[in-house]
Structure formats: C-alpha cells, structure tokens
Amino acid sequence: MNQNAALRGKNVAVLMTDGVEQVEYTGPRQFLEEHGATVTLVAPKAAGDKVQGFNHLTPADQFSVDMDVRDARPAEFDALVLPGGVANPDSLRLSPQAITFIREFAREDKPIAAICHGPWTLIDAGIAQDKRLTSWPSLKEDLRNAGAEWTDAPVVVDGKLVTSRKPDDLPAFDDALLQALGGKEQSARAGERGARSQKNAVPGRSFSESRHNVQEDPGSQVSG
C-alpha cells in the first residue's frame, strides 16, 4: 500500500545492468513506489532476463528486466534513475542504446538522478559538461575532465540533474528526486532542506540552466 499519492501517475525508468550496487536500486525504487510512482527496470537485456545485483563486491539478488532499453523511449517516462556499482555503469557505457536513452532524457529536459558511479554514464551521453555534479570520489577527475564542476556534497541539483556520492546519501538523493518529480518531502528535516533548496533555485529554467547545491554533513565512506 502506498504511503501517499504524491507521485501517482508518474513513471520512472531505472537504467542498470549486471554489477549494480543493489541498495542504490532497491532503495530509490521502494521510495518511489511508496509515493505512488510506477518504476520500470530498463536494461540492455531482453525483458525477463536477470540483472545481477551486488553488495559492494559480493553478489546479491537478481532482478527481472521489465524493458529492453532498445524498446524504451524517454517520452514514456517522467524521470530516469541511474544507480551505481562499478561494473554496472562501466557496462552501460559500452551500450550505444543505453547512452542514447540517457542523452534523449536530457534533450527532453526530464529529471535524471544518478548516484555513486552512476554519473559516469553522463560523460558518454555528453551532458556532464558545464554541470555541477557529485559522485563517488574516484570519478572526480573523469567528471572534471569532461567539463563538470565536481562538488563533495550528499546531493547536488543542477536544473533537472540530481547526483549523489554513495549509499549513505540515499535519503537526500530520494528527497531531491521527489522534488524533481513535483512531489513534496515528508519528514520535517527533509522539508527544511527542501525549503533551503527552493530558496536558492532559479525558477523556470531548463535542464542546463537552473542549478543549486544541497549541502549536508558528509557520512561515512561506503562504496557504490
């Protein structure tokens, strides 16, 4: 049963493949579904095939693919989530269909939320340049070399682009994604953070124009 209907009618794609950091998929998916959204697992695999999740370096659960990325269209979705895990985005970067899917989301000015190693794919999609981003620290130089402004913060929002560093940042990541989809944050702490973010946001701007940065006290380092 949904906790509320803040995201009822919203359709969110999660693009991932083998090697995904499991909690960076299951956490946002549960959060989105609890708020009424429909979530679709999209992968460069046939519908019904399995994606192998990992808990850091340990194989974990498998997840059934809902839609082959070759059959997916950004027009069918309201937002895109890109989980991390080292092998997952590394494989997606070798899939022209996956990169095109990400690039078209940006062209349609729809929210893209990437966490940990997930922002790696933004480089190949050509949308990292001139953006303020965060990620797992090992991606810092790659993103800077691609023209991004890298910031060490739990969540960074630049227009419709949401990025976070690691699993510990999932609460802030989820809240920012909820706001990007037009929902309202539920906790008092989240509400205070959202008020600060909205104060600094530039209204009515496109994917590449409006930017603001949400800062919190950093948590412990956990790979993703």
C-alpha atoms as a PDB file:
ATOM      1  CA  MET A   1       0.000   0.000   0.000  1.00  0.00           C
ATOM      2  CA  ASN A   2       1.365   3.390  -0.952  1.00  0.00           C
ATOM      3  CA  GLN A   3       2.133   5.754   1.909  1.00  0.00           C
ATOM      4  CA  ASN A   4       0.710   8.593  -0.167  1.00  0.00           C
ATOM      5  CA  ALA A   5      -0.043   9.526  -3.737  1.00  0.00           C
ATOM      6  CA  ALA A   6       2.468  12.363  -4.183  1.00  0.00           C
ATOM      7  CA  LEU A   7       3.815  10.676  -7.329  1.00  0.00           C
ATOM      8  CA  ARG A   8       0.680   8.921  -8.539  1.00  0.00           C
ATOM      9  CA  GLY A   9       0.703   8.793 -12.334  1.00  0.00           C
ATOM     10  CA  LYS A  10       4.478   9.267 -12.548  1.00  0.00           C
ATOM     11  CA  ASN A  11       6.506   6.684 -14.446  1.00  0.00           C
ATOM     12  CA  VAL A  12      10.188   6.342 -13.603  1.00  0.00           C
ATOM     13  CA  ALA A  13      12.790   4.321 -15.501  1.00  0.00           C
ATOM     14  CA  VAL A  14      15.780   2.794 -13.710  1.00  0.00           C
ATOM     15  CA  LEU A  15      18.551   2.021 -16.191  1.00  0.00           C
ATOM     16  CA  MET A  16      21.047  -0.581 -14.992  1.00  0.00           C
ATOM     17  CA  THR A  17      22.745  -3.880 -15.702  1.00  0.00           C
ATOM     18  CA  ASP A  18      24.921  -6.535 -14.017  1.00  0.00           C
ATOM     19  CA  GLY A  19      27.130  -5.230 -11.235  1.00  0.00           C
ATOM     20  CA  VAL A  20      24.638  -2.666  -9.940  1.00  0.00           C
ATOM     21  CA  GLU A  21      25.018  -1.681  -6.281  1.00  0.00           C
ATOM     22  CA  GLN A  22      21.829  -3.318  -5.032  1.00  0.00           C
ATOM     23  CA  VAL A  23      20.727  -0.785  -2.424  1.00  0.00           C
ATOM     24  CA  GLU A  24      21.057   2.038  -4.966  1.00  0.00           C
ATOM     25  CA  TYR A  25      18.338   0.284  -6.963  1.00  0.00           C
ATOM     26  CA  THR A  26      16.110  -1.165  -4.260  1.00  0.00           C
ATOM     27  CA  GLY A  27      16.195   1.944  -2.036  1.00  0.00           C
ATOM     28  CA  PRO A  28      15.024   4.500  -4.612  1.00  0.00           C
ATOM     29  CA  ARG A  29      12.589   2.008  -6.119  1.00  0.00           C
ATOM     30  CA  GLN A  30      10.917   1.369  -2.779  1.00  0.00           C
ATOM     31  CA  PHE A  31      10.841   5.102  -2.028  1.00  0.00           C
ATOM     32  CA  LEU A  32       9.273   5.968  -5.383  1.00  0.00           C
ATOM     33  CA  GLU A  33       6.672   3.193  -5.180  1.00  0.00           C
ATOM     34  CA  GLU A  34       5.734   4.185  -1.630  1.00  0.00           C
ATOM     35  CA  HIS A  35       4.940   7.629  -3.026  1.00  0.00           C
ATOM     36  CA  GLY A  36       2.765   6.238  -5.814  1.00  0.00           C
ATOM     37  CA  ALA A  37       5.144   6.117  -8.791  1.00  0.00           C
ATOM     38  CA  THR A  38       5.421   3.246 -11.254  1.00  0.00           C
ATOM     39  CA  VAL A  39       9.032   2.061 -11.645  1.00  0.00           C
ATOM     40  CA  THR A  40      10.369   0.181 -14.671  1.00  0.00           C
ATOM     41  CA  LEU A  41      13.707  -1.648 -14.715  1.00  0.00           C
ATOM     42  CA  VAL A  42      15.288  -0.906 -18.104  1.00  0.00           C
ATOM     43  CA  ALA A  43      18.461  -2.703 -19.207  1.00  0.00           C
ATOM     44  CA  PRO A  44      20.458  -3.600 -22.314  1.00  0.00           C
ATOM     45  CA  LYS A  45      18.884  -7.054 -21.976  1.00  0.00           C
ATOM     46  CA  ALA A  46      15.651  -8.661 -23.059  1.00  0.00           C
ATOM     47  CA  ALA A  47      12.580  -8.304 -20.867  1.00  0.00           C
ATOM     48  CA  GLY A  48      12.529 -11.177 -18.383  1.00  0.00           C
ATOM     49  CA  ASP A  49      16.305 -11.575 -18.276  1.00  0.00           C
ATOM     50  CA  LYS A  50      18.063 -11.103 -14.952  1.00  0.00           C
ATOM     51  CA  VAL A  51      20.319  -8.331 -13.689  1.00  0.00           C
ATOM     52  CA  GLN A  52      22.828  -9.369 -11.028  1.00  0.00           C
ATOM     53  CA  GLY A  53      22.953  -7.044  -8.047  1.00  0.00           C
ATOM     54  CA  PHE A  54      25.945  -6.681  -5.728  1.00  0.00           C
ATOM     55  CA  ASN A  55      26.544  -5.613  -2.152  1.00  0.00           C
ATOM     56  CA  HIS A  56      29.874  -3.922  -2.834  1.00  0.00           C
ATOM     57  CA  LEU A  57      31.987  -6.857  -4.135  1.00  0.00           C
ATOM     58  CA  THR A  58      29.625  -9.647  -3.069  1.00  0.00           C
ATOM     59  CA  PRO A  59      26.966 -10.989  -5.457  1.00  0.00           C
ATOM     60  CA  ALA A  60      23.495 -10.381  -4.040  1.00  0.00           C
ATOM     61  CA  ASP A  61      19.999 -10.654  -5.548  1.00  0.00           C
ATOM     62  CA  GLN A  62      18.924 -10.869  -9.165  1.00  0.00           C
ATOM     63  CA  PHE A  63      16.230  -8.642 -10.644  1.00  0.00           C
ATOM     64  CA  SER A  64      13.991  -9.239 -13.662  1.00  0.00           C
ATOM     65  CA  VAL A  65      14.272  -6.776 -16.525  1.00  0.00           C
ATOM     66  CA  ASP A  66      10.970  -5.071 -17.330  1.00  0.00           C
ATOM     67  CA  MET A  67      12.010  -3.495 -20.639  1.00  0.00           C
ATOM     68  CA  ASP A  68      14.905  -3.778 -23.082  1.00  0.00           C
ATOM     69  CA  VAL A  69      16.489  -0.347 -23.496  1.00  0.00           C
ATOM     70  CA  ARG A  70      16.111  -0.768 -27.262  1.00  0.00           C
ATOM     71  CA  ASP A  71      12.346  -0.647 -26.767  1.00  0.00           C
ATOM     72  CA  ALA A  72      12.325   2.188 -24.219  1.00  0.00           C
ATOM     73  CA  ARG A  73      11.519   5.798 -25.072  1.00  0.00           C
ATOM     74  CA  PRO A  74      12.005   8.793 -22.758  1.00  0.00           C
ATOM     75  CA  ALA A  75       8.534  10.030 -23.775  1.00  0.00           C
ATOM     76  CA  GLU A  76       7.092   7.083 -21.819  1.00  0.00           C
ATOM     77  CA  PHE A  77       8.725   8.199 -18.551  1.00  0.00           C
ATOM     78  CA  ASP A  78       8.840  11.199 -16.244  1.00  0.00           C
ATOM     79  CA  ALA A  79      12.327  10.619 -14.801  1.00  0.00           C
ATOM     80  CA  LEU A  80      15.400   8.411 -15.093  1.00  0.00           C
ATOM     81  CA  VAL A  81      17.396   6.890 -12.205  1.00  0.00           C
ATOM     82  CA  LEU A  82      20.987   5.709 -12.726  1.00  0.00           C
ATOM     83  CA  PRO A  83      22.264   3.543  -9.831  1.00  0.00           C
ATOM     84  CA  GLY A  84      25.951   2.900  -9.281  1.00  0.00           C
ATOM     85  CA  GLY A  85      28.185  -0.065  -8.685  1.00  0.00           C
ATOM     86  CA  VAL A  86      31.455  -0.039 -10.625  1.00  0.00           C
ATOM     87  CA  ALA A  87      30.682  -2.719 -13.237  1.00  0.00           C
ATOM     88  CA  ASN A  88      27.133  -1.520 -13.946  1.00  0.00           C
ATOM     89  CA  PRO A  89      27.845   1.938 -15.444  1.00  0.00           C
ATOM     90  CA  ASP A  90      31.063   0.651 -16.986  1.00  0.00           C
ATOM     91  CA  SER A  91      28.977  -1.838 -18.998  1.00  0.00           C
ATOM     92  CA  LEU A  92      26.293   0.723 -19.804  1.00  0.00           C
ATOM     93  CA  ARG A  93      28.946   2.979 -21.325  1.00  0.00           C
ATOM     94  CA  LEU A  94      29.543   0.262 -23.921  1.00  0.00           C
ATOM     95  CA  SER A  95      25.852   0.143 -24.885  1.00  0.00           C
ATOM     96  CA  PRO A  96      25.026   2.745 -27.568  1.00  0.00           C
ATOM     97  CA  GLN A  97      21.317   2.258 -26.886  1.00  0.00           C
ATOM     98  CA  ALA A  98      21.759   2.941 -23.168  1.00  0.00           C
ATOM     99  CA  ILE A  99      23.789   6.099 -23.777  1.00  0.00           C
ATOM    100  CA  THR A 100      21.286   7.329 -26.353  1.00  0.00           C
ATOM    101  CA  PHE A 101      18.465   6.740 -23.856  1.00  0.00           C
ATOM    102  CA  ILE A 102      20.235   8.917 -21.279  1.00  0.00           C
ATOM    103  CA  ARG A 103      21.066  11.614 -23.829  1.00  0.00           C
ATOM    104  CA  GLU A 104      17.459  11.811 -25.014  1.00  0.00           C
ATOM    105  CA  PHE A 105      16.228  12.266 -21.438  1.00  0.00           C
ATOM    106  CA  ALA A 106      18.407  15.365 -21.200  1.00  0.00           C
ATOM    107  CA  ARG A 107      17.191  16.639 -24.556  1.00  0.00           C
ATOM    108  CA  GLU A 108      13.601  16.329 -23.336  1.00  0.00           C
ATOM    109  CA  ASP A 109      14.508  18.260 -20.156  1.00  0.00           C
ATOM    110  CA  LYS A 110      13.366  15.471 -17.836  1.00  0.00           C
ATOM    111  CA  PRO A 111      14.872  14.679 -14.429  1.00  0.00           C
ATOM    112  CA  ILE A 112      17.912  12.399 -14.346  1.00  0.00           C
ATOM    113  CA  ALA A 113      19.121  11.167 -10.953  1.00  0.00           C
ATOM    114  CA  ALA A 114      22.497   9.401 -10.783  1.00  0.00           C
ATOM    115  CA  ILE A 115      24.268   8.130  -7.669  1.00  0.00           C
ATOM    116  CA  CYS A 116      27.780   6.914  -6.838  1.00  0.00           C
ATOM    117  CA  HIS A 117      29.364   5.565 -10.065  1.00  0.00           C
ATOM    118  CA  GLY A 118      26.137   6.242 -11.988  1.00  0.00           C
ATOM    119  CA  PRO A 119      27.281   9.722 -13.151  1.00  0.00           C
ATOM    120  CA  TRP A 120      29.996   8.021 -15.223  1.00  0.00           C
ATOM    121  CA  THR A 121      27.449   7.482 -17.999  1.00  0.00           C
ATOM    122  CA  LEU A 122      26.684  11.206 -18.121  1.00  0.00           C
ATOM    123  CA  ILE A 123      30.115  11.737 -19.678  1.00  0.00           C
ATOM    124  CA  ASP A 124      29.381   9.410 -22.597  1.00  0.00           C
ATOM    125  CA  ALA A 125      25.916  10.924 -23.015  1.00  0.00           C
ATOM    126  CA  GLY A 126      27.553  14.336 -23.454  1.00  0.00           C
ATOM    127  CA  ILE A 127      25.660  16.014 -20.616  1.00  0.00           C
ATOM    128  CA  ALA A 128      28.339  16.391 -17.929  1.00  0.00           C
ATOM    129  CA  GLN A 129      29.950  19.478 -19.423  1.00  0.00           C
ATOM    130  CA  ASP A 130      29.220  22.738 -17.565  1.00  0.00           C
ATOM    131  CA  LYS A 131      27.153  20.896 -14.938  1.00  0.00           C
ATOM    132  CA  ARG A 132      27.631  20.951 -11.177  1.00  0.00           C
ATOM    133  CA  LEU A 133      27.827  17.312 -10.079  1.00  0.00           C
ATOM    134  CA  THR A 134      28.904  14.950  -7.366  1.00  0.00           C
ATOM    135  CA  SER A 135      29.732  11.228  -7.454  1.00  0.00           C
ATOM    136  CA  TRP A 136      31.829   8.554  -5.819  1.00  0.00           C
ATOM    137  CA  PRO A 137      35.228  10.296  -5.330  1.00  0.00           C
ATOM    138  CA  SER A 138      37.098   8.115  -7.842  1.00  0.00           C
ATOM    139  CA  LEU A 139      35.038   9.701 -10.646  1.00  0.00           C
ATOM    140  CA  LYS A 140      36.009  13.243  -9.674  1.00  0.00           C
ATOM    141  CA  GLU A 141      38.802  13.692 -12.216  1.00  0.00           C
ATOM    142  CA  ASP A 142      36.854  11.950 -15.001  1.00  0.00           C
ATOM    143  CA  LEU A 143      33.942  14.328 -14.493  1.00  0.00           C
ATOM    144  CA  ARG A 144      36.177  17.375 -14.235  1.00  0.00           C
ATOM    145  CA  ASN A 145      37.988  16.344 -17.418  1.00  0.00           C
ATOM    146  CA  ALA A 146      34.557  16.153 -19.089  1.00  0.00           C
ATOM    147  CA  GLY A 147      33.936  19.785 -18.117  1.00  0.00           C
ATOM    148  CA  ALA A 148      31.835  19.306 -14.981  1.00  0.00           C
ATOM    149  CA  GLU A 149      32.201  21.209 -11.717  1.00  0.00           C
ATOM    150  CA  TRP A 150      32.612  18.457  -9.118  1.00  0.00           C
ATOM    151  CA  THR A 151      31.425  19.100  -5.545  1.00  0.00           C
ATOM    152  CA  ASP A 152      31.743  16.894  -2.465  1.00  0.00           C
ATOM    153  CA  ALA A 153      28.171  17.010  -1.124  1.00  0.00           C
ATOM    154  CA  PRO A 154      25.459  14.431  -0.310  1.00  0.00           C
ATOM    155  CA  VAL A 155      23.279  15.674  -3.152  1.00  0.00           C
ATOM    156  CA  VAL A 156      23.824  18.237  -5.894  1.00  0.00           C
ATOM    157  CA  VAL A 157      20.981  19.521  -8.057  1.00  0.00           C
ATOM    158  CA  ASP A 158      21.722  21.320 -11.315  1.00  0.00           C
ATOM    159  CA  GLY A 159      18.494  22.010 -13.173  1.00  0.00           C
ATOM    160  CA  LYS A 160      16.881  18.610 -13.756  1.00  0.00           C
ATOM    161  CA  LEU A 161      20.085  16.731 -12.935  1.00  0.00           C
ATOM    162  CA  VAL A 162      20.377  15.147  -9.457  1.00  0.00           C
ATOM    163  CA  THR A 163      23.599  13.459  -8.303  1.00  0.00           C
ATOM    164  CA  SER A 164      24.798  11.878  -5.048  1.00  0.00           C
ATOM    165  CA  ARG A 165      28.013  10.239  -3.828  1.00  0.00           C
ATOM    166  CA  LYS A 166      27.214   6.910  -2.145  1.00  0.00           C
ATOM    167  CA  PRO A 167      24.561   4.737  -0.434  1.00  0.00           C
ATOM    168  CA  ASP A 168      24.746   6.820   2.759  1.00  0.00           C
ATOM    169  CA  ASP A 169      23.364   9.737   0.709  1.00  0.00           C
ATOM    170  CA  LEU A 170      20.207   7.894  -0.370  1.00  0.00           C
ATOM    171  CA  PRO A 171      17.811   9.847   1.916  1.00  0.00           C
ATOM    172  CA  ALA A 172      18.962  13.167   0.422  1.00  0.00           C
ATOM    173  CA  PHE A 173      19.020  11.625  -3.078  1.00  0.00           C
ATOM    174  CA  ASP A 174      15.458  10.342  -2.713  1.00  0.00           C
ATOM    175  CA  ASP A 175      14.199  13.682  -1.401  1.00  0.00           C
ATOM    176  CA  ALA A 176      15.790  15.578  -4.293  1.00  0.00           C
ATOM    177  CA  LEU A 177      14.300  13.137  -6.813  1.00  0.00           C
ATOM    178  CA  LEU A 178      10.892  13.564  -5.192  1.00  0.00           C
ATOM    179  CA  GLN A 179      11.159  17.328  -5.578  1.00  0.00           C
ATOM    180  CA  ALA A 180      12.335  16.992  -9.188  1.00  0.00           C
ATOM    181  CA  LEU A 181       9.196  14.958  -9.909  1.00  0.00           C
ATOM    182  CA  GLY A 182       6.983  17.586  -8.314  1.00  0.00           C
ATOM    183  CA  GLY A 183       6.299  15.739  -5.065  1.00  0.00           C
ATOM    184  CA  LYS A 184       6.597  17.043  -1.523  1.00  0.00           C
ATOM    185  CA  GLU A 185       9.104  15.856   1.055  1.00  0.00           C
ATOM    186  CA  GLN A 186       7.613  14.047   4.021  1.00  0.00           C
ATOM    187  CA  SER A 187       9.931  14.488   7.000  1.00  0.00           C
ATOM    188  CA  ALA A 188      10.457  17.723   8.888  1.00  0.00           C
ATOM    189  CA  ARG A 189      14.186  17.525   8.231  1.00  0.00           C
ATOM    190  CA  ALA A 190      13.608  16.914   4.536  1.00  0.00           C
ATOM    191  CA  GLY A 191      11.140  19.770   4.423  1.00  0.00           C
ATOM    192  CA  GLU A 192      13.697  22.164   5.888  1.00  0.00           C
ATOM    193  CA  ARG A 193      16.255  21.012   3.336  1.00  0.00           C
ATOM    194  CA  GLY A 194      13.765  21.443   0.529  1.00  0.00           C
ATOM    195  CA  ALA A 195      12.931  24.977   1.653  1.00  0.00           C
ATOM    196  CA  ARG A 196      16.617  25.899   1.550  1.00  0.00           C
ATOM    197  CA  SER A 197      16.964  24.348  -1.902  1.00  0.00           C
ATOM    198  CA  GLN A 198      13.923  26.115  -3.296  1.00  0.00           C
ATOM    199  CA  LYS A 199      15.198  29.427  -1.945  1.00  0.00           C
ATOM    200  CA  ASN A 200      18.388  29.032  -3.976  1.00  0.00           C
ATOM    201  CA  ALA A 201      16.784  27.588  -7.116  1.00  0.00           C
ATOM    202  CA  VAL A 202      16.205  29.593 -10.276  1.00  0.00           C
ATOM    203  CA  PRO A 203      12.583  29.006 -11.359  1.00  0.00           C
ATOM    204  CA  GLY A 204      11.518  28.309 -14.889  1.00  0.00           C
ATOM    205  CA  ARG A 205      14.950  27.328 -16.213  1.00  0.00           C
ATOM    206  CA  SER A 206      15.863  24.430 -18.468  1.00  0.00           C
ATOM    207  CA  PHE A 207      17.837  21.238 -17.718  1.00  0.00           C
ATOM    208  CA  SER A 208      21.145  23.035 -18.246  1.00  0.00           C
ATOM    209  CA  GLU A 209      20.403  26.441 -16.739  1.00  0.00           C
ATOM    210  CA  SER A 210      18.996  26.219 -13.188  1.00  0.00           C
ATOM    211  CA  ARG A 211      21.470  24.971 -10.611  1.00  0.00           C
ATOM    212  CA  HIS A 212      21.587  24.697  -6.839  1.00  0.00           C
ATOM    213  CA  ASN A 213      23.583  22.667  -4.386  1.00  0.00           C
ATOM    214  CA  VAL A 214      22.168  20.906  -1.317  1.00  0.00           C
ATOM    215  CA  GLN A 215      24.811  20.512   1.393  1.00  0.00           C
ATOM    216  CA  GLU A 216      24.721  18.249   4.450  1.00  0.00           C
ATOM    217  CA  ASP A 217      27.266  16.837   6.856  1.00  0.00           C
ATOM    218  CA  PRO A 218      29.118  14.058   4.991  1.00  0.00           C
ATOM    219  CA  GLY A 219      28.542  10.483   6.162  1.00  0.00           C
ATOM    220  CA  SER A 220      30.955   7.598   6.293  1.00  0.00           C
ATOM    221  CA  GLN A 221      32.547   6.434   3.064  1.00  0.00           C
ATOM    222  CA  VAL A 222      30.733   3.438   1.579  1.00  0.00           C
ATOM    223  CA  SER A 223      31.454   2.306  -1.970  1.00  0.00           C
ATOM    224  CA  GLY A 224      28.730   2.130  -4.576  1.00  0.00           C
END
